[in-house]
Protein backbone atom coordinates (compact mmCIF):
# COMPACT_ATOMS: atom_id res chain seq x y z
CA MET A 1 -51.83 103.80 -80.41
CA ALA A 2 -51.21 107.07 -82.26
CA ARG A 3 -50.14 105.12 -85.35
CA TRP A 4 -53.26 102.96 -85.19
CA GLY A 5 -55.49 106.01 -84.77
CA ARG A 6 -53.83 107.66 -87.74
CA THR A 7 -54.30 104.52 -89.82
CA LEU A 8 -58.01 104.30 -88.98
CA GLY A 9 -58.44 108.01 -89.68
CA ARG A 10 -56.64 107.82 -93.03
CA HIS A 11 -59.00 105.06 -94.20
CA GLY A 12 -62.13 106.91 -93.04
CA VAL A 13 -63.03 104.39 -90.33
CA LEU A 14 -63.30 107.07 -87.62
CA ARG A 15 -65.47 109.43 -89.69
CA PRO A 16 -68.78 108.12 -88.20
CA PHE A 17 -67.56 109.08 -84.70
CA GLU A 18 -67.20 112.72 -85.75
CA ALA A 19 -70.94 112.98 -86.36
CA ALA A 20 -72.03 110.86 -83.38
CA THR A 21 -73.74 113.30 -81.02
CA ASP A 22 -73.78 110.77 -78.16
CA ALA A 23 -70.01 110.17 -78.37
CA PRO A 24 -67.76 111.90 -75.80
CA PRO A 25 -66.40 115.26 -77.06
CA LEU A 26 -62.82 114.05 -76.62
CA LEU A 27 -63.51 111.05 -78.87
CA ARG A 28 -65.07 113.24 -81.56
CA LEU A 29 -62.08 115.58 -81.40
CA GLY A 30 -59.62 112.68 -81.63
CA ALA A 31 -61.43 111.24 -84.66
CA ARG A 32 -61.22 114.61 -86.39
CA LEU A 33 -57.53 115.08 -85.57
CA ALA A 34 -56.67 111.58 -86.83
CA ARG A 35 -57.47 112.55 -90.44
CA LEU A 36 -55.93 116.02 -90.53
CA GLY A 37 -53.69 116.54 -93.55
CA VAL A 38 -54.84 113.43 -95.44
CA ARG A 39 -57.56 112.76 -97.97
CA THR A 40 -60.04 110.26 -96.56
CA PRO A 41 -62.40 108.16 -98.71
CA ALA A 42 -66.12 108.96 -98.63
CA THR A 43 -66.83 105.29 -97.82
CA PRO A 44 -64.73 103.79 -94.99
CA HIS A 45 -62.15 101.23 -96.14
CA TYR A 46 -62.40 98.91 -93.15
CA ALA A 47 -60.44 95.99 -94.59
CA HIS A 48 -57.43 98.09 -95.61
CA ALA A 49 -57.36 99.76 -92.19
CA PHE A 50 -57.47 96.55 -90.16
CA GLU A 51 -55.01 94.87 -92.51
CA ALA A 52 -52.55 97.77 -92.07
CA ILE A 53 -52.74 97.51 -88.28
CA GLY A 54 -51.97 93.79 -88.17
CA PRO A 55 -53.21 90.25 -87.44
CA ALA A 56 -54.88 90.99 -84.10
CA ALA A 57 -56.97 93.80 -85.62
CA ILE A 58 -57.87 91.53 -88.54
CA LYS A 59 -59.51 89.14 -86.07
CA LEU A 60 -61.81 91.97 -84.98
CA GLY A 61 -62.60 92.76 -88.61
CA GLN A 62 -63.57 89.15 -89.28
CA ALA A 63 -66.19 89.32 -86.54
CA LEU A 64 -67.59 92.61 -87.87
CA ALA A 65 -67.86 91.13 -91.37
CA THR A 66 -70.79 88.99 -90.22
CA ARG A 67 -72.82 92.04 -89.14
CA PRO A 68 -74.02 94.11 -92.11
CA ASP A 69 -76.76 95.48 -89.85
CA LEU A 70 -74.09 97.12 -87.66
CA ILE A 71 -71.69 98.58 -90.22
CA GLY A 72 -73.78 98.49 -93.41
CA VAL A 73 -73.87 96.07 -96.32
CA GLU A 74 -70.94 97.68 -98.14
CA GLY A 75 -68.81 97.73 -95.01
CA ALA A 76 -69.52 94.05 -94.31
CA ARG A 77 -68.73 93.13 -97.92
CA ASP A 78 -65.44 95.03 -97.65
CA LEU A 79 -64.50 93.24 -94.42
CA GLN A 80 -65.27 89.78 -95.84
CA ARG A 81 -62.00 90.07 -97.75
CA LEU A 82 -60.21 89.73 -94.42
CA GLN A 83 -61.55 86.20 -93.94
CA ASP A 84 -59.52 84.46 -96.62
CA LYS A 85 -58.34 87.00 -99.20
CA LEU A 86 -55.38 88.68 -97.54
CA PRO A 87 -52.09 89.07 -99.47
CA PRO A 88 -50.20 85.74 -99.34
CA PHE A 89 -46.56 85.35 -98.43
CA PRO A 90 -44.14 83.77 -100.96
CA PHE A 91 -44.28 80.01 -101.52
CA SER A 92 -40.52 79.82 -100.98
CA GLN A 93 -41.10 80.80 -97.34
CA ALA A 94 -43.96 78.30 -97.03
CA ARG A 95 -41.77 75.53 -98.49
CA ALA A 96 -38.95 76.36 -96.08
CA THR A 97 -41.33 76.21 -93.13
CA ILE A 98 -42.82 72.85 -94.25
CA GLU A 99 -39.42 71.22 -94.80
CA ARG A 100 -38.01 72.56 -91.54
CA GLU A 101 -41.04 71.49 -89.52
CA LEU A 102 -41.54 68.04 -91.10
CA GLY A 103 -37.81 67.31 -91.10
CA GLY A 104 -37.19 66.50 -94.77
CA PRO A 105 -37.64 67.61 -98.39
CA ILE A 106 -41.20 68.43 -99.37
CA ALA A 107 -41.28 65.55 -101.90
CA GLN A 108 -40.89 63.12 -99.03
CA PHE A 109 -44.38 64.01 -97.78
CA PHE A 110 -46.28 65.44 -100.78
CA SER A 111 -46.27 64.28 -104.39
CA HIS A 112 -47.65 67.68 -105.39
CA ILE A 113 -48.40 71.00 -103.69
CA GLU A 114 -49.94 74.08 -105.30
CA PRO A 115 -47.56 77.08 -105.05
CA THR A 116 -50.48 79.53 -105.09
CA PRO A 117 -52.43 79.38 -101.81
CA VAL A 118 -56.19 78.82 -101.93
CA GLY A 119 -56.63 81.24 -99.03
CA ALA A 120 -54.55 83.60 -96.96
CA ALA A 121 -55.73 84.84 -93.57
CA SER A 122 -54.25 86.84 -90.71
CA ILE A 123 -52.37 83.97 -89.06
CA ALA A 124 -51.65 81.49 -91.85
CA GLN A 125 -52.29 80.53 -95.46
CA VAL A 126 -53.51 77.26 -96.98
CA HIS A 127 -52.15 75.29 -99.95
CA LYS A 128 -53.86 72.41 -101.75
CA ALA A 129 -51.65 69.32 -101.94
CA VAL A 130 -51.60 65.59 -102.67
CA THR A 131 -49.83 63.29 -100.23
CA THR A 132 -47.39 60.60 -101.33
CA ASP A 133 -50.11 58.01 -100.67
CA GLY A 134 -52.56 59.79 -103.00
CA ARG A 135 -54.87 61.73 -100.63
CA THR A 136 -55.91 65.31 -101.42
CA VAL A 137 -55.28 67.52 -98.40
CA ALA A 138 -55.11 71.12 -97.26
CA VAL A 139 -51.78 72.26 -95.81
CA LYS A 140 -51.93 75.22 -93.45
CA VAL A 141 -48.68 77.12 -92.81
CA LEU A 142 -48.16 79.91 -90.28
CA ARG A 143 -47.02 83.30 -91.57
CA PRO A 144 -43.34 84.10 -90.96
CA ASP A 145 -42.76 86.08 -87.75
CA VAL A 146 -46.49 86.16 -86.98
CA GLU A 147 -45.82 85.35 -83.32
CA ALA A 148 -43.75 88.52 -82.86
CA MET A 149 -46.34 90.70 -84.60
CA VAL A 150 -49.19 89.33 -82.48
CA ALA A 151 -47.18 89.68 -79.26
CA ASP A 152 -46.40 93.32 -80.09
CA ALA A 153 -50.07 94.11 -80.78
CA ILE A 154 -51.33 92.41 -77.64
CA THR A 155 -48.72 94.21 -75.53
CA THR A 156 -50.15 97.47 -76.84
CA TYR A 157 -53.71 96.30 -76.15
CA ALA A 158 -52.71 95.43 -72.58
CA TRP A 159 -51.07 98.83 -72.07
CA ALA A 160 -54.19 100.61 -73.34
CA ALA A 161 -56.40 98.41 -71.14
CA ARG A 162 -54.38 99.24 -68.01
CA LEU A 163 -54.53 102.93 -68.85
CA GLY A 164 -58.27 102.78 -69.45
CA GLU A 165 -58.98 100.86 -66.25
CA LYS A 166 -57.10 103.47 -64.20
CA LEU A 167 -59.57 106.07 -65.44
CA GLY A 168 -62.31 104.17 -63.58
CA GLY A 169 -66.00 104.47 -64.33
CA GLU A 170 -67.36 102.61 -67.34
CA LEU A 171 -64.00 101.29 -68.54
CA ALA A 172 -63.23 99.79 -65.13
CA ARG A 173 -66.61 98.02 -65.09
CA LEU A 174 -65.93 96.49 -68.50
CA ARG A 175 -62.65 94.99 -67.19
CA PRO A 176 -60.59 95.52 -70.36
CA ARG A 177 -57.44 94.00 -68.84
CA VAL A 178 -59.20 90.68 -68.27
CA VAL A 179 -60.66 90.82 -71.76
CA VAL A 180 -57.21 91.38 -73.29
CA GLU A 181 -55.80 88.44 -71.33
CA MET A 182 -58.59 86.22 -72.63
CA PHE A 183 -57.85 87.41 -76.16
CA ARG A 184 -54.16 86.66 -75.59
CA HIS A 185 -55.07 83.12 -74.59
CA TRP A 186 -57.31 82.60 -77.64
CA ILE A 187 -54.87 83.87 -80.22
CA ASN A 188 -51.87 82.09 -78.66
CA ARG A 189 -53.75 78.82 -79.18
CA GLU A 190 -54.05 79.69 -82.87
CA LEU A 191 -50.28 80.05 -83.08
CA ASP A 192 -49.71 76.35 -82.25
CA LEU A 193 -51.24 74.26 -85.02
CA ARG A 194 -50.88 71.06 -82.98
CA LEU A 195 -53.52 72.42 -80.62
CA GLU A 196 -55.73 73.24 -83.59
CA ALA A 197 -55.33 69.67 -84.86
CA ALA A 198 -56.32 68.28 -81.46
CA SER A 199 -59.36 70.57 -81.41
CA ALA A 200 -60.43 69.35 -84.86
CA ALA A 201 -60.10 65.72 -83.76
CA GLU A 202 -62.13 66.33 -80.59
CA LEU A 203 -64.89 68.21 -82.43
CA ALA A 204 -65.09 65.44 -85.06
CA ALA A 205 -65.53 62.84 -82.33
CA ARG A 206 -68.28 64.87 -80.63
CA MET A 207 -70.12 65.59 -83.90
CA ASP A 208 -69.94 62.01 -85.15
CA GLY A 209 -73.37 61.02 -86.44
CA ILE A 210 -74.58 64.54 -87.36
CA ALA A 211 -75.57 63.96 -91.01
CA ASP A 212 -75.55 67.58 -92.22
CA TYR A 213 -72.26 68.64 -90.60
CA ARG A 214 -68.72 67.64 -91.54
CA VAL A 215 -65.35 68.03 -89.80
CA PRO A 216 -62.24 67.06 -91.85
CA THR A 217 -59.82 64.41 -90.59
CA VAL A 218 -56.35 65.41 -89.33
CA ASP A 219 -53.17 63.95 -90.89
CA TRP A 220 -51.04 63.74 -87.74
CA GLU A 221 -47.96 62.48 -89.62
CA ARG A 222 -47.77 65.81 -91.48
CA THR A 223 -48.75 68.12 -88.61
CA THR A 224 -46.42 70.14 -86.36
CA ARG A 225 -46.48 73.42 -84.45
CA ARG A 226 -46.32 75.54 -87.64
CA VAL A 227 -47.83 73.13 -90.21
CA LEU A 228 -51.30 71.52 -90.16
CA THR A 229 -52.50 68.95 -92.71
CA ILE A 230 -56.18 67.96 -92.93
CA ASP A 231 -58.49 66.41 -95.52
CA TRP A 232 -59.39 68.63 -98.46
CA ILE A 233 -63.03 69.71 -98.72
CA ASP A 234 -64.53 69.99 -102.20
CA GLY A 235 -67.21 72.61 -101.80
CA ILE A 236 -68.34 76.22 -102.12
CA PRO A 237 -67.22 78.72 -99.48
CA LEU A 238 -70.02 80.65 -97.82
CA THR A 239 -68.20 83.86 -98.70
CA ASP A 240 -69.60 83.22 -102.21
CA ILE A 241 -73.25 83.11 -101.18
CA GLU A 242 -74.51 83.80 -104.73
CA ARG A 243 -72.70 80.71 -106.00
CA VAL A 244 -74.19 78.66 -103.17
CA ARG A 245 -77.69 79.75 -104.20
CA ALA A 246 -76.96 79.23 -107.92
CA SER A 247 -75.81 75.65 -107.21
CA GLY A 248 -79.28 74.79 -105.92
CA HIS A 249 -78.42 74.30 -102.26
CA ASP A 250 -81.20 74.87 -99.73
CA CYS A 251 -79.97 78.02 -97.98
CA ALA A 252 -82.83 78.03 -95.47
CA LYS A 253 -81.86 74.49 -94.44
CA LEU A 254 -78.20 75.51 -94.16
CA ALA A 255 -79.20 78.37 -91.85
CA ARG A 256 -81.12 75.95 -89.61
CA VAL A 257 -78.16 73.55 -89.59
CA ALA A 258 -75.74 76.32 -88.61
CA VAL A 259 -77.91 77.44 -85.67
CA SER A 260 -78.77 73.94 -84.44
CA VAL A 261 -75.16 72.70 -84.68
CA PHE A 262 -73.91 75.68 -82.70
CA LEU A 263 -76.55 75.13 -79.99
CA ARG A 264 -75.74 71.43 -79.82
CA GLN A 265 -72.05 72.19 -79.42
CA ALA A 266 -72.55 74.95 -76.83
CA ILE A 267 -75.42 73.54 -74.74
CA VAL A 268 -75.21 69.75 -75.11
CA ASP A 269 -71.45 69.21 -75.44
CA GLY A 270 -70.09 72.41 -73.88
CA TYR A 271 -67.42 72.50 -76.62
CA PHE A 272 -68.02 74.74 -79.63
CA HIS A 273 -66.30 76.13 -82.71
CA ALA A 274 -65.75 79.77 -81.79
CA ASP A 275 -64.65 81.17 -85.18
CA PHE A 276 -67.89 80.45 -87.02
CA HIS A 277 -67.64 83.02 -89.82
CA HIS A 278 -68.28 82.68 -93.57
CA GLY A 279 -64.62 82.19 -94.48
CA ASN A 280 -64.38 79.04 -92.33
CA LEU A 281 -67.52 77.35 -93.71
CA PHE A 282 -68.20 75.46 -96.93
CA VAL A 283 -71.10 73.61 -98.53
CA ASP A 284 -69.69 70.32 -99.80
CA ASP A 285 -70.93 68.35 -102.81
CA ALA A 286 -73.38 66.42 -100.62
CA GLY A 287 -74.99 69.63 -99.33
CA ARG A 288 -73.40 69.33 -95.89
CA LEU A 289 -72.07 72.27 -93.89
CA ALA A 290 -68.32 71.71 -93.58
CA VAL A 291 -66.14 73.65 -91.16
CA VAL A 292 -62.41 74.41 -91.07
CA ASP A 293 -60.02 76.47 -88.89
CA PHE A 294 -60.18 75.13 -85.34
CA GLY A 295 -57.79 77.60 -83.76
CA ILE A 296 -60.40 79.13 -81.43
CA MET A 297 -62.65 76.74 -79.50
CA GLY A 298 -64.88 77.50 -76.53
CA ARG A 299 -65.86 75.45 -73.48
CA LEU A 300 -68.71 75.66 -70.96
CA ASP A 301 -69.07 73.52 -67.84
CA ARG A 302 -72.42 71.89 -67.06
CA LEU A 303 -73.56 74.70 -64.78
CA GLY A 304 -72.70 77.28 -67.44
CA ARG A 305 -74.61 75.27 -70.06
CA ARG A 306 -77.63 75.09 -67.78
CA TYR A 307 -77.56 78.84 -67.22
CA LEU A 308 -77.29 79.42 -70.99
CA ALA A 309 -80.18 77.07 -71.81
CA GLU A 310 -82.44 78.51 -69.13
CA ILE A 311 -81.70 82.09 -70.19
CA LEU A 312 -82.44 81.35 -73.85
CA TYR A 313 -85.55 79.33 -73.00
CA GLY A 314 -86.77 82.04 -70.64
CA LEU A 315 -86.37 84.65 -73.37
CA LEU A 316 -88.16 82.45 -75.90
CA THR A 317 -91.10 81.88 -73.55
CA ARG A 318 -90.99 85.48 -72.23
CA ASN A 319 -90.38 84.19 -68.70
CA TYR A 320 -88.30 87.24 -67.82
CA ALA A 321 -88.64 86.64 -64.08
CA ARG A 322 -86.78 83.33 -64.39
CA VAL A 323 -84.15 84.87 -66.66
CA ALA A 324 -83.58 87.57 -64.05
CA GLU A 325 -83.31 84.98 -61.25
CA ILE A 326 -80.66 83.05 -63.22
CA HIS A 327 -78.58 86.21 -63.64
CA PHE A 328 -78.63 86.70 -59.87
CA GLU A 329 -77.94 83.00 -59.15
CA ALA A 330 -74.94 83.05 -61.50
CA GLY A 331 -73.61 86.24 -59.92
CA TYR A 332 -73.84 88.23 -63.15
CA VAL A 333 -75.87 90.94 -61.37
CA PRO A 334 -74.82 92.19 -57.88
CA ALA A 335 -77.20 91.03 -55.14
CA HIS A 336 -78.12 94.53 -53.95
CA HIS A 337 -80.24 95.10 -57.08
CA SER A 338 -83.91 94.15 -57.45
CA VAL A 339 -84.73 90.94 -59.33
CA GLU A 340 -88.12 92.35 -60.32
CA GLU A 341 -86.64 95.54 -61.75
CA PHE A 342 -84.08 93.55 -63.72
CA ALA A 343 -86.87 91.36 -65.14
CA THR A 344 -88.75 94.48 -66.28
CA ALA A 345 -85.61 95.80 -67.98
CA LEU A 346 -85.20 92.48 -69.82
CA ARG A 347 -88.81 92.65 -71.00
CA ALA A 348 -88.15 96.08 -72.52
CA VAL A 349 -85.43 94.48 -74.66
CA GLY A 350 -86.99 91.09 -75.41
CA ASP A 351 -90.63 91.83 -76.24
CA PRO A 352 -89.96 94.10 -79.25
CA ILE A 353 -87.73 91.55 -81.04
CA LEU A 354 -89.13 88.08 -80.33
CA GLY A 355 -91.03 86.68 -83.30
CA LYS A 356 -89.40 88.99 -85.84
CA PRO A 357 -86.95 87.97 -88.58
CA VAL A 358 -83.43 89.22 -87.99
CA LYS A 359 -83.66 91.57 -90.98
CA ASP A 360 -86.41 93.52 -89.17
CA ILE A 361 -84.40 93.97 -85.97
CA SER A 362 -82.08 96.91 -85.42
CA VAL A 363 -79.21 95.07 -83.80
CA GLY A 364 -77.42 98.35 -83.20
CA ARG A 365 -80.34 99.61 -81.14
CA LEU A 366 -80.67 96.24 -79.40
CA LEU A 367 -77.00 96.27 -78.35
CA GLU A 368 -77.39 99.83 -77.18
CA GLN A 369 -80.30 98.78 -74.93
CA LEU A 370 -78.44 95.78 -73.56
CA PHE A 371 -75.39 97.92 -72.85
CA ALA A 372 -77.58 100.42 -70.98
CA ILE A 373 -78.98 97.58 -68.84
CA THR A 374 -75.53 96.26 -67.93
CA ARG A 375 -74.52 99.77 -66.89
CA LEU A 376 -77.73 100.37 -64.90
CA PHE A 377 -77.36 97.12 -62.95
CA ASP A 378 -73.56 97.23 -62.45
CA MET A 379 -72.97 94.08 -64.50
CA GLN A 380 -69.28 93.41 -65.05
CA THR A 381 -67.90 91.77 -68.17
CA GLN A 382 -67.85 87.97 -67.85
CA PRO A 383 -64.65 86.87 -69.65
CA HIS A 384 -65.63 83.17 -69.80
CA LEU A 385 -68.74 84.15 -71.79
CA LEU A 386 -66.98 86.40 -74.30
CA LEU A 387 -66.30 83.58 -76.77
CA LEU A 388 -69.89 82.42 -76.51
CA GLN A 389 -71.25 85.92 -77.09
CA LYS A 390 -68.86 86.50 -80.02
CA THR A 391 -69.86 83.19 -81.65
CA LEU A 392 -73.57 83.78 -81.09
CA VAL A 393 -73.25 87.08 -82.98
CA MET A 394 -71.40 85.31 -85.80
CA VAL A 395 -73.98 82.51 -86.05
CA GLU A 396 -76.85 84.98 -86.20
CA GLY A 397 -75.07 86.96 -88.91
CA LEU A 398 -74.38 83.76 -90.85
CA ALA A 399 -78.02 82.65 -90.60
CA VAL A 400 -79.43 85.91 -91.90
CA THR A 401 -76.92 85.90 -94.80
CA LEU A 402 -78.11 82.44 -95.85
CA ASP A 403 -81.79 83.18 -95.28
CA PRO A 404 -82.89 86.83 -94.83
CA GLU A 405 -86.21 85.59 -93.40
CA ALA A 406 -84.48 83.42 -90.80
CA ASN A 407 -85.57 83.85 -87.20
CA MET A 408 -82.84 82.52 -84.97
CA TRP A 409 -85.16 82.28 -81.98
CA GLU A 410 -87.71 80.15 -83.86
CA ILE A 411 -84.96 77.83 -85.10
CA ALA A 412 -83.56 77.51 -81.59
CA GLU A 413 -86.83 77.03 -79.66
CA PRO A 414 -87.53 73.29 -80.32
CA PHE A 415 -83.89 72.38 -79.74
CA ILE A 416 -83.66 74.25 -76.43
CA ALA A 417 -87.08 73.00 -75.27
CA GLU A 418 -86.00 69.39 -75.90
CA TRP A 419 -82.73 69.93 -74.04
CA MET A 420 -84.60 71.49 -71.12
CA ARG A 421 -86.89 68.45 -70.91
CA ASP A 422 -83.95 66.05 -71.08
CA GLU A 423 -81.64 67.87 -68.67
CA LEU A 424 -83.95 69.70 -66.25
CA GLY A 425 -87.09 67.57 -66.29
CA PRO A 426 -88.20 65.05 -63.58
CA GLU A 427 -86.34 62.17 -65.24
CA ALA A 428 -83.10 64.17 -65.28
CA ARG A 429 -83.49 65.06 -61.59
CA VAL A 430 -84.05 61.38 -60.73
CA ALA A 431 -81.03 60.40 -62.82
CA ASP A 432 -78.87 63.01 -61.06
CA SER A 433 -80.04 61.71 -57.69
CA LEU A 434 -79.19 58.13 -58.68
CA ILE A 435 -75.73 59.25 -59.85
CA ARG A 436 -75.09 60.98 -56.52
CA LEU A 437 -76.36 57.87 -54.68
CA VAL A 438 -74.04 55.57 -56.64
CA ARG A 439 -71.10 57.88 -55.92
CA ASP A 440 -71.95 57.85 -52.21
CA VAL A 441 -72.27 54.06 -52.17
CA ARG A 442 -68.87 53.73 -53.84
CA THR A 443 -67.29 55.66 -50.97
CA LEU A 444 -68.73 53.31 -48.29
CA PRO A 445 -65.94 50.66 -48.46
CA ASP A 446 -63.29 53.33 -47.98
CA ILE A 447 -65.20 54.80 -45.04
CA ALA A 448 -65.56 51.30 -43.52
CA ARG A 449 -61.81 50.61 -43.84
CA ARG A 450 -60.97 53.86 -42.10
CA LEU A 451 -63.41 53.09 -39.27
CA MET A 452 -62.08 49.53 -38.83
CA ALA A 453 -58.56 50.89 -38.56
CA ARG A 454 -59.69 52.73 -35.42
CA VAL A 455 -61.39 49.65 -33.81
CA PRO A 456 -59.11 46.97 -32.18
CA ASN A 457 -59.41 43.32 -33.23
CA PRO A 458 -61.26 41.11 -30.69
CA GLY A 459 -58.34 38.69 -30.15
CA ALA A 460 -55.61 41.30 -30.00
CA ALA A 461 -53.75 42.15 -26.81
CA PRO A 462 -55.07 45.21 -25.01
CA PRO A 463 -53.18 48.37 -25.78
CA ALA A 464 -50.43 49.30 -23.37
CA PRO A 465 -51.48 51.84 -20.74
CA PRO A 466 -50.10 55.33 -21.20
CA LEU A 467 -46.90 56.11 -19.37
CA PRO A 468 -47.44 58.02 -16.15
CA GLU A 469 -46.51 61.62 -16.35
CA ASP A 470 -43.64 62.86 -14.15
CA PRO A 471 -44.93 64.74 -11.11
CA ALA A 472 -44.37 68.44 -11.22
CA ARG A 473 -41.18 69.44 -9.50
CA PRO A 474 -40.48 72.88 -8.01
CA PHE A 475 -37.98 75.01 -9.87
CA PRO A 476 -34.56 74.91 -8.11
CA TRP A 477 -34.31 78.60 -7.23
CA TRP A 478 -31.33 77.90 -5.02
CA LEU A 479 -29.22 77.07 -8.09
CA LEU A 480 -30.07 80.46 -9.57
CA THR A 481 -29.09 82.16 -6.28
CA LEU A 482 -25.79 80.25 -6.16
CA ALA A 483 -24.97 81.17 -9.79
CA GLY A 484 -25.72 84.82 -9.12
CA GLY A 485 -23.51 84.86 -6.03
CA LEU A 486 -20.58 83.26 -7.87
CA ALA A 487 -20.90 85.78 -10.69
CA ALA A 488 -20.93 88.69 -8.23
CA GLY A 489 -17.89 87.33 -6.38
CA LEU A 490 -15.91 86.86 -9.58
CA GLY A 491 -16.76 90.39 -10.68
CA LEU A 492 -15.69 91.85 -7.30
CA GLY A 493 -12.43 89.88 -7.42
CA TRP A 494 -11.63 91.24 -10.89
CA LEU A 495 -12.19 94.83 -9.68
CA LEU A 496 -9.92 94.35 -6.68
């Protein structure tokens, strides 16, 4: 932790905390001490700092890169380098991994593979290749020893979380230990590329028929735990937004597609791409939004999707009373608080932002207000919603990058309203009742068989009467008296 603090201080990342009057004095002092004896840049070098700390910190930097309104335009531009422009590892190591994993020389599987990677990220790097049957593919290879580096970082995170939780108060309410365990689960999935391949295949099946969205096909023959092979996408990465605009693509349409696809995945399917940042998205030659990197995927059950849809719809329609009720029904707010007071607190946050483009909203101030509400109403961190919240922030940041006038709420409203009609309207309630009725009817034969097993057949012999119980007999106390007398006599004889 001391080394990480020193690294952040050396790159100027902690300098803003020194001037933050609302920060705890101990934090301001620590930020000042972290840069003693070194020359810090006037502008924080976020990317270099996170890169120096390691892969787990890079994941945090990738999320922050989508939020120029939180860390400034220059800071976000600096962090975008973490998405696919990290230093690559030598091709000789990549070749050794491919041949070891696939079980043969590289020429057995690829007629050509580019030695220079097209992108290098925190966990792996990607090479363009041509298979022996002539298909152009992308080959993703894990970094050497990345598992050990990630395990070491997460162990430190867990230690810090335990220490923080013992202090009680705000840190205990935020449940950092649970959050770290969730992060451990997410990143461990990224370290097995077979799971990523399965996620890509499942998402492709669910998104089949969506004209403006593309998921590449997995080459299972050339995929193992440390190597993933998928179709190559010819397109422009969204990290190069100026090139996207210069190519004549409709950026406003792309923003609408990004928001609507995310809502479809999260609310309709309950299975969503949870690493939705610029470095994982392309615009292909047909103008479709194409996605890669399926290491982190999120799931919501039907009840969770209903809560999400009702909360979003309630905010869109300013029905804060219903939004408050849902928070209490879901157990997000302890029952001893007032529903009405919570609804009023939500109105204080929602009314000033609804109807405004994202560029006109101070997200920093908004998050500060939301954080104050969670503290006021004793709301604990909900680990199963962390991926959803993280992705929602990324999608909003992506939309405003594509279209500065984009209003995420306006894009979402017709989609959510339609889903509400389909899933929570009278027809949906009738359909749910019919489904429950059919399930009950299907259980009737089993119930009848169990009842018949208890009823005797008409022509069968009557059951045998129960055996009479033996009458109670008095305890033979005389035997006990005789045994005691014999024992006493034997003892007396031994003494004599």
